[in-house]
All heavy atoms as atom14 arrays in JSON, in Angstrom:
{
  "sequence": "VQAGGSLRVSCAASGRTFNIYTMAWFRQAPGKEREFVAAVNWSEAV",
  "atom14_mask": [
    [1, 1, 1, 1, 1, 1, 1, 0, 0, 0, 0, 0, 0, 0],
    [1, 1, 1, 1, 1, 1, 1, 1, 1, 0, 0, 0, 0, 0],
    [1, 1, 1, 1, 1, 0, 0, 0, 0, 0, 0, 0, 0, 0],
    [1, 1, 1, 1, 0, 0, 0, 0, 0, 0, 0, 0, 0, 0],
    [1, 1, 1, 1, 0, 0, 0, 0, 0, 0, 0, 0, 0, 0],
    [1, 1, 1, 1, 1, 1, 0, 0, 0, 0, 0, 0, 0, 0],
    [1, 1, 1, 1, 1, 1, 1, 1, 0, 0, 0, 0, 0, 0],
    [1, 1, 1, 1, 1, 1, 1, 1, 1, 1, 1, 0, 0, 0],
    [1, 1, 1, 1, 1, 1, 1, 0, 0, 0, 0, 0, 0, 0],
    [1, 1, 1, 1, 1, 1, 0, 0, 0, 0, 0, 0, 0, 0],
    [1, 1, 1, 1, 1, 1, 0, 0, 0, 0, 0, 0, 0, 0],
    [1, 1, 1, 1, 1, 0, 0, 0, 0, 0, 0, 0, 0, 0],
    [1, 1, 1, 1, 1, 0, 0, 0, 0, 0, 0, 0, 0, 0],
    [1, 1, 1, 1, 1, 1, 0, 0, 0, 0, 0, 0, 0, 0],
    [1, 1, 1, 1, 0, 0, 0, 0, 0, 0, 0, 0, 0, 0],
    [1, 1, 1, 1, 1, 1, 1, 1, 1, 1, 1, 0, 0, 0],
    [1, 1, 1, 1, 1, 1, 1, 0, 0, 0, 0, 0, 0, 0],
    [1, 1, 1, 1, 1, 1, 1, 1, 1, 1, 1, 0, 0, 0],
    [1, 1, 1, 1, 1, 1, 1, 1, 0, 0, 0, 0, 0, 0],
    [1, 1, 1, 1, 1, 1, 1, 1, 0, 0, 0, 0, 0, 0],
    [1, 1, 1, 1, 1, 1, 1, 1, 1, 1, 1, 1, 0, 0],
    [1, 1, 1, 1, 1, 1, 1, 0, 0, 0, 0, 0, 0, 0],
    [1, 1, 1, 1, 1, 1, 1, 1, 0, 0, 0, 0, 0, 0],
    [1, 1, 1, 1, 1, 0, 0, 0, 0, 0, 0, 0, 0, 0],
    [1, 1, 1, 1, 1, 1, 1, 1, 1, 1, 1, 1, 1, 1],
    [1, 1, 1, 1, 1, 1, 1, 1, 1, 1, 1, 0, 0, 0],
    [1, 1, 1, 1, 1, 1, 1, 1, 1, 1, 1, 0, 0, 0],
    [1, 1, 1, 1, 1, 1, 1, 1, 1, 0, 0, 0, 0, 0],
    [1, 1, 1, 1, 1, 0, 0, 0, 0, 0, 0, 0, 0, 0],
    [1, 1, 1, 1, 1, 1, 1, 0, 0, 0, 0, 0, 0, 0],
    [1, 1, 1, 1, 0, 0, 0, 0, 0, 0, 0, 0, 0, 0],
    [1, 1, 1, 1, 1, 1, 1, 1, 1, 0, 0, 0, 0, 0],
    [1, 1, 1, 1, 1, 1, 1, 1, 1, 0, 0, 0, 0, 0],
    [1, 1, 1, 1, 1, 1, 1, 1, 1, 1, 1, 0, 0, 0],
    [1, 1, 1, 1, 1, 1, 1, 1, 1, 0, 0, 0, 0, 0],
    [1, 1, 1, 1, 1, 1, 1, 1, 1, 1, 1, 0, 0, 0],
    [1, 1, 1, 1, 1, 1, 1, 0, 0, 0, 0, 0, 0, 0],
    [1, 1, 1, 1, 1, 0, 0, 0, 0, 0, 0, 0, 0, 0],
    [1, 1, 1, 1, 1, 0, 0, 0, 0, 0, 0, 0, 0, 0],
    [1, 1, 1, 1, 1, 1, 1, 0, 0, 0, 0, 0, 0, 0],
    [1, 1, 1, 1, 1, 1, 1, 1, 0, 0, 0, 0, 0, 0],
    [1, 1, 1, 1, 1, 1, 1, 1, 1, 1, 1, 1, 1, 1],
    [1, 1, 1, 1, 1, 1, 0, 0, 0, 0, 0, 0, 0, 0],
    [1, 1, 1, 1, 1, 1, 1, 1, 1, 0, 0, 0, 0, 0],
    [1, 1, 1, 1, 1, 0, 0, 0, 0, 0, 0, 0, 0, 0],
    [1, 1, 1, 1, 1, 1, 1, 0, 0, 0, 0, 0, 0, 0]
  ],
  "atom14_positions": [
    [[-55.19, -30.88, 28.15], [-53.91, -30.27, 28.48], [-53.72, -29.01, 27.64], [-54.24, -28.92, 26.52], [-52.75, -31.27, 28.24], [-52.64, -31.63, 26.77], [-51.44, -30.73, 28.76], [0.0, 0.0, 0.0], [0.0, 0.0, 0.0], [0.0, 0.0, 0.0], [0.0, 0.0, 0.0], [0.0, 0.0, 0.0], [0.0, 0.0, 0.0], [0.0, 0.0, 0.0]],
    [[-53.01, -28.05, 28.17], [-52.73, -26.83, 27.44], [-51.6, -27.05, 26.43], [-50.76, -27.93, 26.61], [-52.33, -25.7, 28.38], [-53.43, -25.22, 29.3], [-53.02, -24.01, 30.08], [-53.28, -22.87, 29.66], [-52.36, -24.23, 31.2], [0.0, 0.0, 0.0], [0.0, 0.0, 0.0], [0.0, 0.0, 0.0], [0.0, 0.0, 0.0], [0.0, 0.0, 0.0]],
    [[-51.59, -26.24, 25.39], [-50.52, -26.31, 24.41], [-49.17, -26.16, 25.09], [-48.99, -25.31, 25.95], [-50.71, -25.23, 23.35], [0.0, 0.0, 0.0], [0.0, 0.0, 0.0], [0.0, 0.0, 0.0], [0.0, 0.0, 0.0], [0.0, 0.0, 0.0], [0.0, 0.0, 0.0], [0.0, 0.0, 0.0], [0.0, 0.0, 0.0], [0.0, 0.0, 0.0]],
    [[-48.24, -27.0, 24.68], [-46.92, -27.02, 25.28], [-46.79, -27.98, 26.43], [-45.67, -28.24, 26.9], [0.0, 0.0, 0.0], [0.0, 0.0, 0.0], [0.0, 0.0, 0.0], [0.0, 0.0, 0.0], [0.0, 0.0, 0.0], [0.0, 0.0, 0.0], [0.0, 0.0, 0.0], [0.0, 0.0, 0.0], [0.0, 0.0, 0.0], [0.0, 0.0, 0.0]],
    [[-47.9, -28.52, 26.87], [-47.89, -29.44, 27.99], [-47.61, -30.87, 27.58], [-47.34, -31.17, 26.42], [0.0, 0.0, 0.0], [0.0, 0.0, 0.0], [0.0, 0.0, 0.0], [0.0, 0.0, 0.0], [0.0, 0.0, 0.0], [0.0, 0.0, 0.0], [0.0, 0.0, 0.0], [0.0, 0.0, 0.0], [0.0, 0.0, 0.0], [0.0, 0.0, 0.0]],
    [[-47.71, -31.75, 28.56], [-47.41, -33.16, 28.35], [-48.53, -34.04, 28.86], [-49.3, -33.66, 29.75], [-46.11, -33.54, 29.08], [-45.0, -32.82, 28.58], [0.0, 0.0, 0.0], [0.0, 0.0, 0.0], [0.0, 0.0, 0.0], [0.0, 0.0, 0.0], [0.0, 0.0, 0.0], [0.0, 0.0, 0.0], [0.0, 0.0, 0.0], [0.0, 0.0, 0.0]],
    [[-48.61, -35.22, 28.29], [-49.6, -36.19, 28.69], [-49.06, -37.58, 28.36], [-48.31, -37.74, 27.39], [-50.92, -35.95, 27.96], [-52.2, -36.5, 28.58], [-52.48, -35.84, 29.91], [-53.38, -36.27, 27.62], [0.0, 0.0, 0.0], [0.0, 0.0, 0.0], [0.0, 0.0, 0.0], [0.0, 0.0, 0.0], [0.0, 0.0, 0.0], [0.0, 0.0, 0.0]],
    [[-49.45, -38.55, 29.14], [-49.02, -39.93, 28.92], [-50.25, -40.82, 28.82], [-51.05, -40.86, 29.74], [-48.13, -40.4, 30.06], [-47.52, -41.8, 29.86], [-46.66, -42.18, 31.06], [-46.02, -43.48, 30.92], [-44.83, -43.68, 30.39], [-44.11, -42.64, 29.95], [-44.34, -44.9, 30.3], [0.0, 0.0, 0.0], [0.0, 0.0, 0.0], [0.0, 0.0, 0.0]],
    [[-50.38, -41.49, 27.69], [-51.47, -42.44, 27.51], [-50.9, -43.85, 27.55], [-49.75, -44.08, 27.16], [-52.24, -42.19, 26.19], [-53.01, -40.88, 26.27], [-51.3, -42.18, 24.99], [0.0, 0.0, 0.0], [0.0, 0.0, 0.0], [0.0, 0.0, 0.0], [0.0, 0.0, 0.0], [0.0, 0.0, 0.0], [0.0, 0.0, 0.0], [0.0, 0.0, 0.0]],
    [[-51.7, -44.77, 28.03], [-51.26, -46.14, 28.19], [-52.26, -47.1, 27.58], [-53.43, -46.77, 27.4], [-51.05, -46.47, 29.67], [-50.07, -45.65, 30.26], [0.0, 0.0, 0.0], [0.0, 0.0, 0.0], [0.0, 0.0, 0.0], [0.0, 0.0, 0.0], [0.0, 0.0, 0.0], [0.0, 0.0, 0.0], [0.0, 0.0, 0.0], [0.0, 0.0, 0.0]],
    [[-51.78, -48.3, 27.29], [-52.61, -49.35, 26.73], [-52.28, -50.65, 27.43], [-51.11, -51.03, 27.54], [-52.37, -49.48, 25.23], [-53.24, -50.85, 24.44], [0.0, 0.0, 0.0], [0.0, 0.0, 0.0], [0.0, 0.0, 0.0], [0.0, 0.0, 0.0], [0.0, 0.0, 0.0], [0.0, 0.0, 0.0], [0.0, 0.0, 0.0], [0.0, 0.0, 0.0]],
    [[-53.3, -51.34, 27.9], [-53.14, -52.63, 28.53], [-53.76, -53.71, 27.65], [-54.9, -53.58, 27.2], [-53.8, -52.64, 29.9], [0.0, 0.0, 0.0], [0.0, 0.0, 0.0], [0.0, 0.0, 0.0], [0.0, 0.0, 0.0], [0.0, 0.0, 0.0], [0.0, 0.0, 0.0], [0.0, 0.0, 0.0], [0.0, 0.0, 0.0], [0.0, 0.0, 0.0]],
    [[-53.0, -54.76, 27.4], [-53.47, -55.87, 26.58], [-53.78, -57.07, 27.46], [-53.07, -57.36, 28.42], [-52.42, -56.25, 25.54], [0.0, 0.0, 0.0], [0.0, 0.0, 0.0], [0.0, 0.0, 0.0], [0.0, 0.0, 0.0], [0.0, 0.0, 0.0], [0.0, 0.0, 0.0], [0.0, 0.0, 0.0], [0.0, 0.0, 0.0], [0.0, 0.0, 0.0]],
    [[-54.84, -57.76, 27.11], [-55.21, -58.96, 27.84], [-55.75, -60.0, 26.86], [-55.94, -59.72, 25.68], [-56.26, -58.65, 28.92], [-57.44, -58.12, 28.34], [0.0, 0.0, 0.0], [0.0, 0.0, 0.0], [0.0, 0.0, 0.0], [0.0, 0.0, 0.0], [0.0, 0.0, 0.0], [0.0, 0.0, 0.0], [0.0, 0.0, 0.0], [0.0, 0.0, 0.0]],
    [[-55.98, -61.19, 27.37], [-56.43, -62.26, 26.51], [-55.26, -63.04, 25.95], [-54.29, -63.31, 26.65], [0.0, 0.0, 0.0], [0.0, 0.0, 0.0], [0.0, 0.0, 0.0], [0.0, 0.0, 0.0], [0.0, 0.0, 0.0], [0.0, 0.0, 0.0], [0.0, 0.0, 0.0], [0.0, 0.0, 0.0], [0.0, 0.0, 0.0], [0.0, 0.0, 0.0]],
    [[-55.32, -63.36, 24.68], [-54.28, -64.14, 24.03], [-53.13, -63.22, 23.58], [-52.87, -63.06, 22.4], [-54.87, -64.9, 22.85], [-55.96, -65.88, 23.26], [-56.7, -66.41, 22.04], [-55.87, -67.24, 21.19], [-55.85, -68.56, 21.18], [-56.64, -69.22, 22.02], [-55.06, -69.22, 20.36], [0.0, 0.0, 0.0], [0.0, 0.0, 0.0], [0.0, 0.0, 0.0]],
    [[-52.46, -62.66, 24.56], [-51.43, -61.66, 24.26], [-50.19, -62.26, 23.6], [-49.37, -61.52, 23.04], [-51.01, -60.91, 25.53], [-50.58, -61.85, 26.52], [-52.19, -60.11, 26.08], [0.0, 0.0, 0.0], [0.0, 0.0, 0.0], [0.0, 0.0, 0.0], [0.0, 0.0, 0.0], [0.0, 0.0, 0.0], [0.0, 0.0, 0.0], [0.0, 0.0, 0.0]],
    [[-50.03, -63.58, 23.65], [-48.9, -64.21, 22.98], [-48.96, -64.01, 21.48], [-47.98, -64.21, 20.78], [-48.83, -65.7, 23.32], [-50.09, -66.46, 23.0], [-50.35, -66.9, 21.72], [-51.01, -66.74, 24.0], [-51.5, -67.6, 21.42], [-52.17, -67.44, 23.73], [-52.42, -67.86, 22.43], [0.0, 0.0, 0.0], [0.0, 0.0, 0.0], [0.0, 0.0, 0.0]],
    [[-50.11, -63.64, 20.99], [-50.29, -63.4, 19.56], [-49.76, -62.04, 19.12], [-49.67, -61.76, 17.93], [-51.78, -63.5, 19.21], [-52.03, -63.52, 17.72], [-51.41, -64.3, 16.99], [-52.93, -62.68, 17.26], [0.0, 0.0, 0.0], [0.0, 0.0, 0.0], [0.0, 0.0, 0.0], [0.0, 0.0, 0.0], [0.0, 0.0, 0.0], [0.0, 0.0, 0.0]],
    [[-49.42, -61.18, 20.08], [-48.98, -59.82, 19.78], [-47.48, -59.76, 19.57], [-46.71, -60.25, 20.39], [-49.39, -58.86, 20.92], [-50.91, -58.8, 21.06], [-48.81, -57.47, 20.66], [-51.36, -58.01, 22.26], [0.0, 0.0, 0.0], [0.0, 0.0, 0.0], [0.0, 0.0, 0.0], [0.0, 0.0, 0.0], [0.0, 0.0, 0.0], [0.0, 0.0, 0.0]],
    [[-47.06, -59.12, 18.5], [-45.66, -58.85, 18.28], [-45.38, -57.35, 18.24], [-44.36, -56.88, 18.73], [-45.15, -59.49, 16.99], [-43.66, -59.41, 16.85], [-42.84, -60.29, 17.56], [-43.06, -58.46, 16.04], [-41.46, -60.21, 17.46], [-41.67, -58.38, 15.93], [-40.88, -59.26, 16.64], [-39.52, -59.18, 16.55], [0.0, 0.0, 0.0], [0.0, 0.0, 0.0]],
    [[-46.28, -56.6, 17.65], [-46.14, -55.15, 17.54], [-47.38, -54.47, 18.1], [-48.5, -54.89, 17.83], [-45.94, -54.72, 16.09], [-44.78, -55.37, 15.56], [-45.77, -53.21, 15.98], [0.0, 0.0, 0.0], [0.0, 0.0, 0.0], [0.0, 0.0, 0.0], [0.0, 0.0, 0.0], [0.0, 0.0, 0.0], [0.0, 0.0, 0.0], [0.0, 0.0, 0.0]],
    [[-47.15, -53.42, 18.86], [-48.24, -52.57, 19.33], [-47.98, -51.16, 18.84], [-46.83, -50.75, 18.68], [-48.36, -52.61, 20.85], [-48.71, -53.98, 21.39], [-48.94, -54.03, 23.19], [-50.48, -53.12, 23.35], [0.0, 0.0, 0.0], [0.0, 0.0, 0.0], [0.0, 0.0, 0.0], [0.0, 0.0, 0.0], [0.0, 0.0, 0.0], [0.0, 0.0, 0.0]],
    [[-49.04, -50.43, 18.63], [-48.89, -49.11, 18.04], [-49.99, -48.18, 18.52], [-51.01, -48.61, 19.06], [-48.93, -49.19, 16.51], [0.0, 0.0, 0.0], [0.0, 0.0, 0.0], [0.0, 0.0, 0.0], [0.0, 0.0, 0.0], [0.0, 0.0, 0.0], [0.0, 0.0, 0.0], [0.0, 0.0, 0.0], [0.0, 0.0, 0.0], [0.0, 0.0, 0.0]],
    [[-49.75, -46.91, 18.31], [-50.74, -45.87, 18.57], [-51.16, -45.23, 17.26], [-50.32, -44.9, 16.42], [-50.19, -44.79, 19.5], [-50.02, -45.22, 20.91], [-48.89, -45.63, 21.52], [-51.06, -45.3, 21.9], [-49.13, -45.94, 22.83], [-50.45, -45.75, 23.09], [-52.42, -45.01, 21.9], [-51.18, -45.94, 24.28], [-53.14, -45.21, 23.07], [-52.52, -45.66, 24.23]],
    [[-52.45, -45.06, 17.13], [-53.04, -44.31, 16.04], [-53.88, -43.2, 16.65], [-54.27, -43.26, 17.82], [-53.92, -45.19, 15.16], [-53.16, -46.16, 14.3], [-52.64, -47.32, 14.83], [-52.98, -45.89, 12.95], [-51.94, -48.21, 14.04], [-52.29, -46.77, 12.15], [-51.77, -47.93, 12.69], [0.0, 0.0, 0.0], [0.0, 0.0, 0.0], [0.0, 0.0, 0.0]],
    [[-54.19, -42.2, 15.86], [-55.07, -41.14, 16.33], [-55.99, -40.68, 15.21], [-55.65, -40.78, 14.04], [-54.27, -39.95, 16.88], [-53.45, -39.21, 15.84], [-52.59, -38.15, 16.51], [-51.84, -37.36, 15.55], [-50.94, -36.44, 15.86], [-50.68, -36.18, 17.15], [-50.3, -35.77, 14.91], [0.0, 0.0, 0.0], [0.0, 0.0, 0.0], [0.0, 0.0, 0.0]],
    [[-57.14, -40.2, 15.62], [-58.11, -39.71, 14.66], [-58.82, -38.49, 15.22], [-59.41, -38.55, 16.29], [-59.13, -40.79, 14.29], [-60.07, -40.38, 13.18], [-60.87, -41.54, 12.63], [-61.07, -42.54, 13.31], [-61.32, -41.43, 11.39], [0.0, 0.0, 0.0], [0.0, 0.0, 0.0], [0.0, 0.0, 0.0], [0.0, 0.0, 0.0], [0.0, 0.0, 0.0]],
    [[-58.71, -37.4, 14.49], [-59.39, -36.17, 14.85], [-60.69, -36.07, 14.08], [-60.83, -36.66, 13.0], [-58.49, -34.97, 14.56], [0.0, 0.0, 0.0], [0.0, 0.0, 0.0], [0.0, 0.0, 0.0], [0.0, 0.0, 0.0], [0.0, 0.0, 0.0], [0.0, 0.0, 0.0], [0.0, 0.0, 0.0], [0.0, 0.0, 0.0], [0.0, 0.0, 0.0]],
    [[-61.66, -35.32, 14.59], [-62.93, -35.16, 13.87], [-62.71, -34.64, 12.46], [-61.98, -33.67, 12.24], [-63.69, -34.14, 14.73], [-63.14, -34.33, 16.1], [-61.67, -34.62, 15.88], [0.0, 0.0, 0.0], [0.0, 0.0, 0.0], [0.0, 0.0, 0.0], [0.0, 0.0, 0.0], [0.0, 0.0, 0.0], [0.0, 0.0, 0.0], [0.0, 0.0, 0.0]],
    [[-63.34, -35.28, 11.5], [-63.23, -34.86, 10.12], [-61.97, -35.29, 9.41], [-61.77, -34.95, 8.24], [0.0, 0.0, 0.0], [0.0, 0.0, 0.0], [0.0, 0.0, 0.0], [0.0, 0.0, 0.0], [0.0, 0.0, 0.0], [0.0, 0.0, 0.0], [0.0, 0.0, 0.0], [0.0, 0.0, 0.0], [0.0, 0.0, 0.0], [0.0, 0.0, 0.0]],
    [[-61.1, -36.0, 10.1], [-59.85, -36.45, 9.5], [-59.77, -37.97, 9.53], [-60.43, -38.63, 10.32], [-58.65, -35.86, 10.24], [-58.53, -34.35, 10.16], [-57.26, -33.88, 10.83], [-57.09, -32.38, 10.71], [-55.84, -31.93, 11.38], [0.0, 0.0, 0.0], [0.0, 0.0, 0.0], [0.0, 0.0, 0.0], [0.0, 0.0, 0.0], [0.0, 0.0, 0.0]],
    [[-58.94, -38.5, 8.65], [-58.71, -39.93, 8.63], [-57.78, -40.33, 9.77], [-57.0, -39.53, 10.28], [-58.1, -40.37, 7.29], [-59.02, -40.21, 6.11], [-58.45, -40.8, 4.84], [-57.29, -41.27, 4.87], [-59.15, -40.8, 3.83], [0.0, 0.0, 0.0], [0.0, 0.0, 0.0], [0.0, 0.0, 0.0], [0.0, 0.0, 0.0], [0.0, 0.0, 0.0]],
    [[-57.89, -41.57, 10.16], [-57.01, -42.11, 11.18], [-55.57, -42.08, 10.68], [-55.3, -42.42, 9.53], [-57.43, -43.54, 11.52], [-56.63, -44.19, 12.62], [-57.16, -45.58, 12.89], [-57.01, -46.44, 11.73], [-57.71, -47.55, 11.52], [-58.61, -47.92, 12.4], [-57.49, -48.27, 10.43], [0.0, 0.0, 0.0], [0.0, 0.0, 0.0], [0.0, 0.0, 0.0]],
    [[-54.65, -41.69, 11.55], [-53.25, -41.65, 11.16], [-52.38, -42.4, 12.15], [-52.66, -42.43, 13.35], [-52.76, -40.2, 11.02], [-52.71, -39.42, 12.31], [-52.03, -38.07, 12.16], [-51.19, -37.92, 11.25], [-52.34, -37.16, 12.95], [0.0, 0.0, 0.0], [0.0, 0.0, 0.0], [0.0, 0.0, 0.0], [0.0, 0.0, 0.0], [0.0, 0.0, 0.0]],
    [[-51.33, -42.96, 11.64], [-50.35, -43.66, 12.46], [-49.55, -42.67, 13.28], [-49.18, -41.6, 12.79], [-49.43, -44.48, 11.56], [-48.24, -45.06, 12.27], [-48.35, -46.22, 13.0], [-47.02, -44.43, 12.2], [-47.26, -46.76, 13.65], [-45.91, -44.95, 12.84], [-46.05, -46.12, 13.58], [0.0, 0.0, 0.0], [0.0, 0.0, 0.0], [0.0, 0.0, 0.0]],
    [[-49.24, -43.05, 14.52], [-48.46, -42.19, 15.4], [-47.11, -42.81, 15.72], [-46.06, -42.21, 15.49], [-49.22, -41.9, 16.71], [-48.36, -41.05, 17.65], [-50.53, -41.18, 16.41], [0.0, 0.0, 0.0], [0.0, 0.0, 0.0], [0.0, 0.0, 0.0], [0.0, 0.0, 0.0], [0.0, 0.0, 0.0], [0.0, 0.0, 0.0], [0.0, 0.0, 0.0]],
    [[-47.11, -44.01, 16.28], [-45.87, -44.66, 16.68], [-46.11, -46.14, 16.89], [-47.23, -46.57, 17.14], [-45.32, -44.03, 17.97], [0.0, 0.0, 0.0], [0.0, 0.0, 0.0], [0.0, 0.0, 0.0], [0.0, 0.0, 0.0], [0.0, 0.0, 0.0], [0.0, 0.0, 0.0], [0.0, 0.0, 0.0], [0.0, 0.0, 0.0], [0.0, 0.0, 0.0]],
    [[-45.04, -46.93, 16.81], [-45.12, -48.37, 17.01], [-43.91, -48.87, 17.77], [-42.82, -48.3, 17.69], [-45.23, -49.1, 15.67], [0.0, 0.0, 0.0], [0.0, 0.0, 0.0], [0.0, 0.0, 0.0], [0.0, 0.0, 0.0], [0.0, 0.0, 0.0], [0.0, 0.0, 0.0], [0.0, 0.0, 0.0], [0.0, 0.0, 0.0], [0.0, 0.0, 0.0]],
    [[-44.1, -49.95, 18.51], [-43.02, -50.63, 19.21], [-43.27, -52.12, 19.11], [-44.42, -52.57, 19.2], [-42.92, -50.18, 20.69], [-44.22, -50.45, 21.44], [-41.74, -50.86, 21.38], [0.0, 0.0, 0.0], [0.0, 0.0, 0.0], [0.0, 0.0, 0.0], [0.0, 0.0, 0.0], [0.0, 0.0, 0.0], [0.0, 0.0, 0.0], [0.0, 0.0, 0.0]],
    [[-42.21, -52.9, 18.9], [-42.41, -54.33, 18.79], [-41.76, -55.08, 19.94], [-41.12, -54.48, 20.81], [-41.95, -54.86, 17.42], [-40.44, -54.82, 17.22], [-39.66, -54.71, 18.17], [-40.03, -54.9, 15.96], [0.0, 0.0, 0.0], [0.0, 0.0, 0.0], [0.0, 0.0, 0.0], [0.0, 0.0, 0.0], [0.0, 0.0, 0.0], [0.0, 0.0, 0.0]],
    [[-41.92, -56.38, 19.95], [-41.43, -57.23, 21.03], [-39.92, -57.15, 21.17], [-39.39, -57.37, 22.27], [-41.87, -58.67, 20.76], [-41.66, -59.62, 21.89], [-42.11, -59.49, 23.17], [-40.95, -60.86, 21.82], [-41.72, -60.57, 23.92], [-41.01, -61.43, 23.11], [-40.28, -61.53, 20.8], [-40.41, -62.66, 23.4], [-39.69, -62.76, 21.08], [-39.76, -63.31, 22.37]],
    [[-39.2, -56.84, 20.11], [-37.76, -56.68, 20.14], [-37.34, -55.27, 20.52], [-36.16, -54.94, 20.47], [-37.17, -57.03, 18.78], [-37.43, -58.38, 18.43], [0.0, 0.0, 0.0], [0.0, 0.0, 0.0], [0.0, 0.0, 0.0], [0.0, 0.0, 0.0], [0.0, 0.0, 0.0], [0.0, 0.0, 0.0], [0.0, 0.0, 0.0], [0.0, 0.0, 0.0]],
    [[-38.3, -54.43, 20.89], [-38.09, -53.07, 21.36], [-37.69, -52.09, 20.26], [-37.19, -51.01, 20.55], [-37.07, -53.03, 22.5], [-37.51, -53.83, 23.7], [-36.55, -53.74, 24.86], [-35.42, -53.25, 24.68], [-36.93, -54.16, 25.97], [0.0, 0.0, 0.0], [0.0, 0.0, 0.0], [0.0, 0.0, 0.0], [0.0, 0.0, 0.0], [0.0, 0.0, 0.0]],
    [[-37.9, -52.47, 19.02], [-37.73, -51.5, 17.94], [-38.88, -50.5, 17.99], [-40.01, -50.85, 18.36], [-37.72, -52.2, 16.59], [0.0, 0.0, 0.0], [0.0, 0.0, 0.0], [0.0, 0.0, 0.0], [0.0, 0.0, 0.0], [0.0, 0.0, 0.0], [0.0, 0.0, 0.0], [0.0, 0.0, 0.0], [0.0, 0.0, 0.0], [0.0, 0.0, 0.0]],
    [[-38.59, -49.26, 17.66], [-39.62, -48.22, 17.67], [-39.63, -47.48, 16.34], [-38.62, -47.42, 15.64], [-39.4, -47.21, 18.82], [-39.55, -47.9, 20.17], [-38.03, -46.56, 18.71], [0.0, 0.0, 0.0], [0.0, 0.0, 0.0], [0.0, 0.0, 0.0], [0.0, 0.0, 0.0], [0.0, 0.0, 0.0], [0.0, 0.0, 0.0], [0.0, 0.0, 0.0]]
  ]
}
């Protein structure tokens, strides 16, 4: 995408999903450490 644009990424969970309470996004660029982006939990806190 070009700078200033938008994109939507999604994540699908399967298996023993009852074990999940919080899901989150992380990102890692080349040469950089992984960093936290955002989180959402089962109670819809973000």
